[in-house]
């Protein structure tokens, strides 16, 4: 057995599914079902994911209004809906300010004037008698 990959391979460990099933049933025989659960923040109990509605006080769908119409600064045409807005941005290769994808930028190191640095150090050394 090689350890060169540090144990981070893409292969799965060998598992005994029958043993897992019997142990699961033995441990959780109190009526628990397999599946996804969410802990209710109010009661602290696990609730099946499909039965959990979240901790929202409002149990209603959210309605988002359409955007207000505007005149395009690029073409001068009237844009009156979100779909028109998205299509206009795509068609003219425009990007909304604040929604642009930031590219990775490397921080530039300030250029050092080595000769000036040597002079400053020598001046301070002379000043204090070294």
N, C-alpha and C. Protein backbone atom coordinates (compact mmCIF):
# COMPACT_ATOMS: atom_id res chain seq x y z
N UNK A 1 0.84 -1.19 0.00
CA UNK A 1 0.00 0.00 0.00
C UNK A 1 0.88 1.24 0.00
N UNK A 2 0.63 2.14 -0.94
CA UNK A 2 1.39 3.38 -1.02
C UNK A 2 0.64 4.49 -0.29
N UNK A 3 1.40 5.40 0.33
CA UNK A 3 0.81 6.53 1.02
C UNK A 3 1.17 7.84 0.32
N UNK A 4 1.60 7.78 -0.92
CA UNK A 4 2.05 8.98 -1.61
C UNK A 4 0.93 9.97 -1.86
N UNK A 5 -0.33 9.49 -1.97
CA UNK A 5 -1.42 10.41 -2.24
C UNK A 5 -2.00 11.02 -0.97
N UNK A 6 -1.47 10.62 0.19
CA UNK A 6 -1.94 11.20 1.45
C UNK A 6 -3.35 10.76 1.81
N UNK A 7 -3.85 9.69 1.18
CA UNK A 7 -5.18 9.21 1.49
C UNK A 7 -6.29 10.04 0.89
N UNK A 8 -5.97 10.85 -0.10
CA UNK A 8 -6.97 11.75 -0.67
C UNK A 8 -7.35 11.34 -2.08
N UNK A 9 -7.45 10.06 -2.30
CA UNK A 9 -7.81 9.58 -3.63
C UNK A 9 -9.29 9.72 -3.90
N UNK A 10 -9.68 9.40 -5.11
CA UNK A 10 -11.09 9.52 -5.47
C UNK A 10 -11.83 8.20 -5.30
N UNK A 11 -11.13 7.14 -4.92
CA UNK A 11 -11.80 5.86 -4.74
C UNK A 11 -12.49 5.83 -3.37
N UNK A 12 -13.62 5.10 -3.31
CA UNK A 12 -14.35 5.00 -2.06
C UNK A 12 -13.81 3.85 -1.22
N UNK A 13 -13.98 3.99 0.06
CA UNK A 13 -13.55 2.93 0.97
C UNK A 13 -14.48 1.74 0.81
N UNK A 14 -13.99 0.55 1.09
CA UNK A 14 -14.89 -0.60 1.05
C UNK A 14 -15.88 -0.52 2.21
N UNK A 15 -17.17 -0.72 1.91
CA UNK A 15 -18.19 -0.63 2.94
C UNK A 15 -19.07 -1.87 2.91
N UNK A 16 -19.59 -2.23 4.06
CA UNK A 16 -20.51 -3.35 4.19
C UNK A 16 -21.90 -2.76 4.35
N UNK A 17 -22.66 -2.69 3.26
CA UNK A 17 -23.96 -2.03 3.27
C UNK A 17 -24.97 -2.77 4.15
N UNK A 18 -24.88 -4.10 4.18
CA UNK A 18 -25.80 -4.86 5.02
C UNK A 18 -25.56 -4.57 6.50
N UNK A 19 -24.29 -4.53 6.91
CA UNK A 19 -23.97 -4.22 8.29
C UNK A 19 -24.41 -2.81 8.64
N UNK A 20 -24.22 -1.88 7.71
CA UNK A 20 -24.65 -0.50 7.96
C UNK A 20 -26.15 -0.45 8.18
N UNK A 21 -26.92 -1.12 7.31
CA UNK A 21 -28.37 -1.10 7.43
C UNK A 21 -28.85 -1.71 8.74
N UNK A 22 -28.27 -2.86 9.10
CA UNK A 22 -28.72 -3.51 10.34
C UNK A 22 -28.34 -2.67 11.56
N UNK A 23 -27.15 -2.07 11.55
CA UNK A 23 -26.74 -1.23 12.68
C UNK A 23 -27.56 0.04 12.75
N UNK A 24 -27.89 0.61 11.61
CA UNK A 24 -28.71 1.82 11.59
C UNK A 24 -30.07 1.51 12.21
N UNK A 25 -30.66 0.39 11.77
CA UNK A 25 -31.97 0.02 12.31
C UNK A 25 -31.89 -0.28 13.80
N UNK A 26 -30.79 -0.91 14.25
CA UNK A 26 -30.63 -1.23 15.66
C UNK A 26 -30.49 0.04 16.50
N UNK A 27 -29.73 1.01 16.00
CA UNK A 27 -29.49 2.24 16.75
C UNK A 27 -30.71 3.16 16.74
N UNK A 28 -31.32 3.30 15.57
CA UNK A 28 -32.43 4.24 15.41
C UNK A 28 -33.76 3.53 15.26
N UNK A 29 -34.00 2.53 16.07
CA UNK A 29 -35.24 1.76 15.94
C UNK A 29 -36.45 2.51 16.48
N UNK A 30 -36.27 3.69 17.01
CA UNK A 30 -37.37 4.46 17.58
C UNK A 30 -38.21 5.16 16.55
N UNK A 31 -38.26 4.69 15.34
CA UNK A 31 -39.11 5.27 14.31
C UNK A 31 -38.39 6.26 13.41
N UNK A 32 -37.08 6.45 13.60
CA UNK A 32 -36.35 7.39 12.75
C UNK A 32 -36.21 6.80 11.34
N UNK A 33 -36.31 7.63 10.36
CA UNK A 33 -36.16 7.20 8.97
C UNK A 33 -34.85 7.74 8.44
N UNK A 34 -34.34 7.05 7.47
CA UNK A 34 -33.16 7.59 6.80
C UNK A 34 -33.59 8.77 5.96
N UNK A 35 -32.69 9.71 5.82
CA UNK A 35 -33.00 10.88 5.02
C UNK A 35 -32.29 12.10 5.56
N UNK A 36 -32.67 13.25 5.07
CA UNK A 36 -32.06 14.50 5.49
C UNK A 36 -32.94 15.15 6.55
N UNK A 37 -32.28 15.67 7.55
CA UNK A 37 -32.98 16.33 8.64
C UNK A 37 -32.40 17.73 8.85
N UNK A 38 -33.24 18.61 9.38
CA UNK A 38 -32.82 19.97 9.71
C UNK A 38 -33.19 20.20 11.17
N UNK A 39 -32.28 20.82 11.92
CA UNK A 39 -32.57 21.11 13.32
C UNK A 39 -33.36 22.41 13.41
N UNK A 40 -34.55 22.31 13.98
CA UNK A 40 -35.40 23.48 14.16
C UNK A 40 -34.77 24.39 15.21
N UNK A 41 -34.45 25.65 14.86
CA UNK A 41 -33.77 26.53 15.81
C UNK A 41 -34.63 26.88 17.03
N UNK A 42 -35.95 26.79 16.92
CA UNK A 42 -36.81 27.13 18.05
C UNK A 42 -36.92 25.99 19.05
N UNK A 43 -37.13 24.76 18.54
CA UNK A 43 -37.34 23.62 19.43
C UNK A 43 -36.08 22.81 19.66
N UNK A 44 -35.12 22.89 18.76
CA UNK A 44 -33.89 22.11 18.88
C UNK A 44 -34.04 20.68 18.40
N UNK A 45 -35.22 20.30 17.91
CA UNK A 45 -35.47 18.93 17.46
C UNK A 45 -35.16 18.79 15.98
N UNK A 46 -34.80 17.55 15.59
CA UNK A 46 -34.56 17.26 14.18
C UNK A 46 -35.90 17.05 13.49
N UNK A 47 -36.06 17.72 12.36
CA UNK A 47 -37.29 17.65 11.58
C UNK A 47 -36.92 17.15 10.19
N UNK A 48 -37.68 16.22 9.61
CA UNK A 48 -37.38 15.80 8.24
C UNK A 48 -37.36 17.01 7.30
N UNK A 49 -36.41 16.99 6.40
CA UNK A 49 -36.19 18.14 5.52
C UNK A 49 -37.45 18.54 4.77
N UNK A 50 -38.22 17.55 4.32
CA UNK A 50 -39.42 17.87 3.54
C UNK A 50 -40.52 18.47 4.41
N UNK A 51 -40.45 18.28 5.74
CA UNK A 51 -41.46 18.86 6.64
C UNK A 51 -41.03 20.21 7.22
N UNK A 52 -39.78 20.59 7.00
CA UNK A 52 -39.27 21.83 7.58
C UNK A 52 -39.55 23.00 6.65
N UNK A 53 -40.15 24.03 7.20
CA UNK A 53 -40.47 25.21 6.39
C UNK A 53 -39.61 26.39 6.72
N UNK A 54 -38.65 26.23 7.61
CA UNK A 54 -37.78 27.34 7.98
C UNK A 54 -38.34 28.11 9.15
N UNK A 55 -37.59 29.07 9.61
CA UNK A 55 -37.99 29.82 10.80
C UNK A 55 -38.61 31.17 10.45
N UNK A 56 -39.12 31.28 9.23
CA UNK A 56 -39.72 32.53 8.81
C UNK A 56 -41.07 32.74 9.50
N UNK A 57 -41.34 33.95 9.93
CA UNK A 57 -42.62 34.26 10.55
C UNK A 57 -43.70 34.43 9.49
N UNK A 58 -43.30 34.77 8.27
CA UNK A 58 -44.25 34.98 7.19
C UNK A 58 -44.27 33.73 6.33
N UNK A 59 -45.45 33.15 6.19
CA UNK A 59 -45.59 31.95 5.39
C UNK A 59 -46.31 32.31 4.09
N UNK A 60 -45.59 33.03 3.23
CA UNK A 60 -46.17 33.46 1.97
C UNK A 60 -45.07 33.58 0.93
N UNK A 61 -45.42 33.43 -0.33
CA UNK A 61 -44.40 33.60 -1.37
C UNK A 61 -43.96 35.06 -1.45
N UNK A 62 -42.71 35.26 -1.86
CA UNK A 62 -42.19 36.61 -2.00
C UNK A 62 -42.46 37.09 -3.42
N UNK A 63 -42.97 38.27 -3.54
CA UNK A 63 -43.24 38.86 -4.85
C UNK A 63 -42.28 40.01 -5.06
N UNK A 64 -41.51 39.94 -6.13
CA UNK A 64 -40.54 40.98 -6.41
C UNK A 64 -41.05 41.82 -7.58
N UNK A 65 -41.15 43.11 -7.40
CA UNK A 65 -41.66 43.94 -8.50
C UNK A 65 -40.66 44.03 -9.64
N UNK A 66 -41.18 44.36 -10.81
CA UNK A 66 -40.31 44.55 -11.96
C UNK A 66 -39.51 45.83 -11.78
N UNK A 67 -38.42 45.95 -12.52
CA UNK A 67 -37.60 47.15 -12.41
C UNK A 67 -38.33 48.32 -13.06
N UNK A 68 -37.98 49.52 -12.63
CA UNK A 68 -38.54 50.71 -13.27
C UNK A 68 -37.86 50.89 -14.62
N UNK A 69 -38.60 51.35 -15.57
CA UNK A 69 -38.05 51.56 -16.90
C UNK A 69 -36.98 52.63 -16.90
N UNK A 70 -36.06 52.53 -17.86
CA UNK A 70 -35.00 53.54 -17.97
C UNK A 70 -34.57 53.64 -19.43
N UNK A 71 -33.90 54.75 -19.73
CA UNK A 71 -33.37 54.98 -21.07
C UNK A 71 -31.92 54.52 -21.09
N UNK A 72 -31.60 53.64 -22.03
CA UNK A 72 -30.25 53.10 -22.12
C UNK A 72 -29.25 54.20 -22.45
N UNK A 73 -28.16 54.24 -21.71
CA UNK A 73 -27.10 55.22 -21.99
C UNK A 73 -26.30 54.81 -23.21
N UNK A 74 -26.35 53.52 -23.58
CA UNK A 74 -25.59 53.01 -24.71
C UNK A 74 -26.30 53.32 -26.03
N UNK A 75 -27.61 53.01 -26.10
CA UNK A 75 -28.32 53.13 -27.38
C UNK A 75 -29.43 54.17 -27.37
N UNK A 76 -29.87 54.59 -26.18
CA UNK A 76 -30.95 55.56 -26.10
C UNK A 76 -32.33 54.92 -26.13
N UNK A 77 -32.41 53.59 -26.27
CA UNK A 77 -33.72 52.93 -26.31
C UNK A 77 -34.29 52.77 -24.91
N UNK A 78 -35.63 52.58 -24.83
CA UNK A 78 -36.31 52.43 -23.56
C UNK A 78 -36.25 50.96 -23.13
N UNK A 79 -35.79 50.71 -21.90
CA UNK A 79 -35.73 49.37 -21.32
C UNK A 79 -36.80 49.34 -20.24
N UNK A 80 -37.80 48.45 -20.39
CA UNK A 80 -38.93 48.48 -19.48
C UNK A 80 -39.14 47.25 -18.63
N UNK A 81 -38.28 46.23 -18.76
CA UNK A 81 -38.48 45.02 -17.94
C UNK A 81 -37.14 44.38 -17.63
N UNK A 82 -37.14 43.46 -16.66
CA UNK A 82 -35.91 42.75 -16.31
C UNK A 82 -35.37 41.95 -17.49
N UNK A 83 -36.27 41.27 -18.18
CA UNK A 83 -35.82 40.45 -19.31
C UNK A 83 -35.20 41.33 -20.40
N UNK A 84 -35.81 42.47 -20.66
CA UNK A 84 -35.24 43.42 -21.63
C UNK A 84 -33.89 43.91 -21.15
N UNK A 85 -33.79 44.19 -19.87
CA UNK A 85 -32.54 44.68 -19.27
C UNK A 85 -31.43 43.65 -19.45
N UNK A 86 -31.72 42.38 -19.09
CA UNK A 86 -30.71 41.31 -19.23
C UNK A 86 -30.30 41.15 -20.69
N UNK A 87 -31.27 41.15 -21.59
CA UNK A 87 -30.97 40.98 -23.02
C UNK A 87 -30.15 42.16 -23.55
N UNK A 88 -30.47 43.36 -23.10
CA UNK A 88 -29.74 44.57 -23.53
C UNK A 88 -28.28 44.50 -23.06
N UNK A 89 -28.08 44.10 -21.80
CA UNK A 89 -26.72 43.98 -21.29
C UNK A 89 -25.92 42.95 -22.10
N UNK A 90 -26.55 41.82 -22.37
CA UNK A 90 -25.87 40.75 -23.10
C UNK A 90 -25.57 41.18 -24.55
N UNK A 91 -26.56 41.80 -25.19
CA UNK A 91 -26.42 42.19 -26.59
C UNK A 91 -25.31 43.22 -26.80
N UNK A 92 -25.14 44.14 -25.87
CA UNK A 92 -24.16 45.20 -26.03
C UNK A 92 -22.91 44.99 -25.17
N UNK A 93 -22.79 43.78 -24.61
CA UNK A 93 -21.63 43.41 -23.79
C UNK A 93 -21.38 44.42 -22.67
N UNK A 94 -22.46 44.74 -21.94
CA UNK A 94 -22.39 45.70 -20.85
C UNK A 94 -22.39 44.95 -19.52
N UNK A 95 -21.88 45.60 -18.48
CA UNK A 95 -21.84 45.03 -17.13
C UNK A 95 -22.37 46.08 -16.17
N UNK A 96 -23.28 45.65 -15.28
CA UNK A 96 -23.78 46.57 -14.26
C UNK A 96 -22.68 46.87 -13.27
N UNK A 97 -22.55 48.12 -12.88
CA UNK A 97 -21.56 48.48 -11.87
C UNK A 97 -22.03 47.92 -10.54
N UNK A 98 -21.12 47.24 -9.84
CA UNK A 98 -21.46 46.61 -8.59
C UNK A 98 -21.78 45.14 -8.74
N UNK A 99 -22.06 44.70 -9.96
CA UNK A 99 -22.37 43.30 -10.20
C UNK A 99 -21.30 42.61 -11.05
N UNK A 100 -20.25 43.33 -11.35
CA UNK A 100 -19.22 42.76 -12.21
C UNK A 100 -18.41 41.71 -11.45
N UNK A 101 -17.87 40.77 -12.19
CA UNK A 101 -17.04 39.74 -11.61
C UNK A 101 -15.64 40.32 -11.46
N UNK A 102 -15.14 40.28 -10.24
CA UNK A 102 -13.82 40.85 -9.99
C UNK A 102 -12.76 39.83 -10.34
N UNK A 103 -11.82 40.24 -11.16
CA UNK A 103 -10.74 39.35 -11.54
C UNK A 103 -9.66 39.41 -10.47
N UNK A 104 -8.91 38.35 -10.40
CA UNK A 104 -7.84 38.26 -9.41
C UNK A 104 -6.76 39.27 -9.77
N UNK A 105 -6.47 40.14 -8.86
CA UNK A 105 -5.44 41.14 -9.09
C UNK A 105 -4.32 40.93 -8.09
N UNK A 106 -3.10 40.91 -8.57
CA UNK A 106 -1.97 40.75 -7.67
C UNK A 106 -1.57 42.11 -7.14
N UNK A 107 -1.19 42.13 -5.88
CA UNK A 107 -0.76 43.37 -5.26
C UNK A 107 0.65 43.69 -5.73
N UNK A 108 0.83 44.88 -6.24
CA UNK A 108 2.14 45.26 -6.73
C UNK A 108 2.98 45.80 -5.58
N UNK A 109 4.17 45.30 -5.49
CA UNK A 109 5.10 45.78 -4.48
C UNK A 109 5.64 47.14 -4.90
N UNK A 110 5.79 48.06 -3.95
CA UNK A 110 6.36 49.36 -4.32
C UNK A 110 7.82 49.17 -4.74
N UNK A 111 8.21 49.94 -5.74
CA UNK A 111 9.60 49.85 -6.21
C UNK A 111 10.50 50.55 -5.19
N UNK A 112 11.56 49.86 -4.86
CA UNK A 112 12.49 50.40 -3.87
C UNK A 112 13.71 50.98 -4.56
N UNK A 113 14.08 52.15 -4.09
CA UNK A 113 15.30 52.78 -4.59
C UNK A 113 16.42 52.37 -3.63
N UNK A 114 17.14 51.31 -4.00
CA UNK A 114 18.16 50.75 -3.11
C UNK A 114 19.27 51.75 -2.78
N UNK A 115 19.65 52.54 -3.75
CA UNK A 115 20.74 53.51 -3.52
C UNK A 115 20.30 54.55 -2.49
N UNK A 116 19.07 55.02 -2.61
CA UNK A 116 18.57 56.01 -1.65
C UNK A 116 18.47 55.38 -0.26
N UNK A 117 18.04 54.12 -0.19
CA UNK A 117 17.94 53.41 1.08
C UNK A 117 19.32 53.30 1.74
N UNK A 118 20.34 52.98 0.96
CA UNK A 118 21.72 52.89 1.50
C UNK A 118 22.18 54.23 2.04
N UNK A 119 21.89 55.31 1.30
CA UNK A 119 22.28 56.64 1.75
C UNK A 119 21.58 57.02 3.05
N UNK A 120 20.25 56.71 3.15
CA UNK A 120 19.50 57.04 4.36
C UNK A 120 20.03 56.28 5.58
N UNK A 121 20.36 55.00 5.36
CA UNK A 121 20.90 54.20 6.46
C UNK A 121 22.27 54.75 6.89
N UNK A 122 23.13 55.05 5.92
CA UNK A 122 24.46 55.58 6.23
C UNK A 122 24.33 56.92 6.95
N UNK A 123 23.39 57.75 6.54
CA UNK A 123 23.19 59.06 7.17
C UNK A 123 22.77 58.89 8.64
N UNK A 124 21.86 57.96 8.91
CA UNK A 124 21.42 57.73 10.29
C UNK A 124 22.54 57.14 11.14
N UNK A 125 23.32 56.23 10.56
CA UNK A 125 24.44 55.66 11.30
C UNK A 125 25.46 56.74 11.67
N UNK A 126 25.77 57.61 10.73
CA UNK A 126 26.70 58.73 10.98
C UNK A 126 26.14 59.69 12.02
N UNK A 127 24.87 59.92 11.96
CA UNK A 127 24.20 60.85 12.87
C UNK A 127 24.33 60.40 14.32
N UNK A 128 24.22 59.09 14.53
CA UNK A 128 24.29 58.55 15.89
C UNK A 128 25.67 58.00 16.24
N UNK A 129 26.65 58.27 15.43
CA UNK A 129 28.04 57.95 15.74
C UNK A 129 28.45 56.50 15.55
N UNK A 130 27.86 55.82 14.65
CA UNK A 130 28.26 54.44 14.41
C UNK A 130 29.16 54.33 13.22
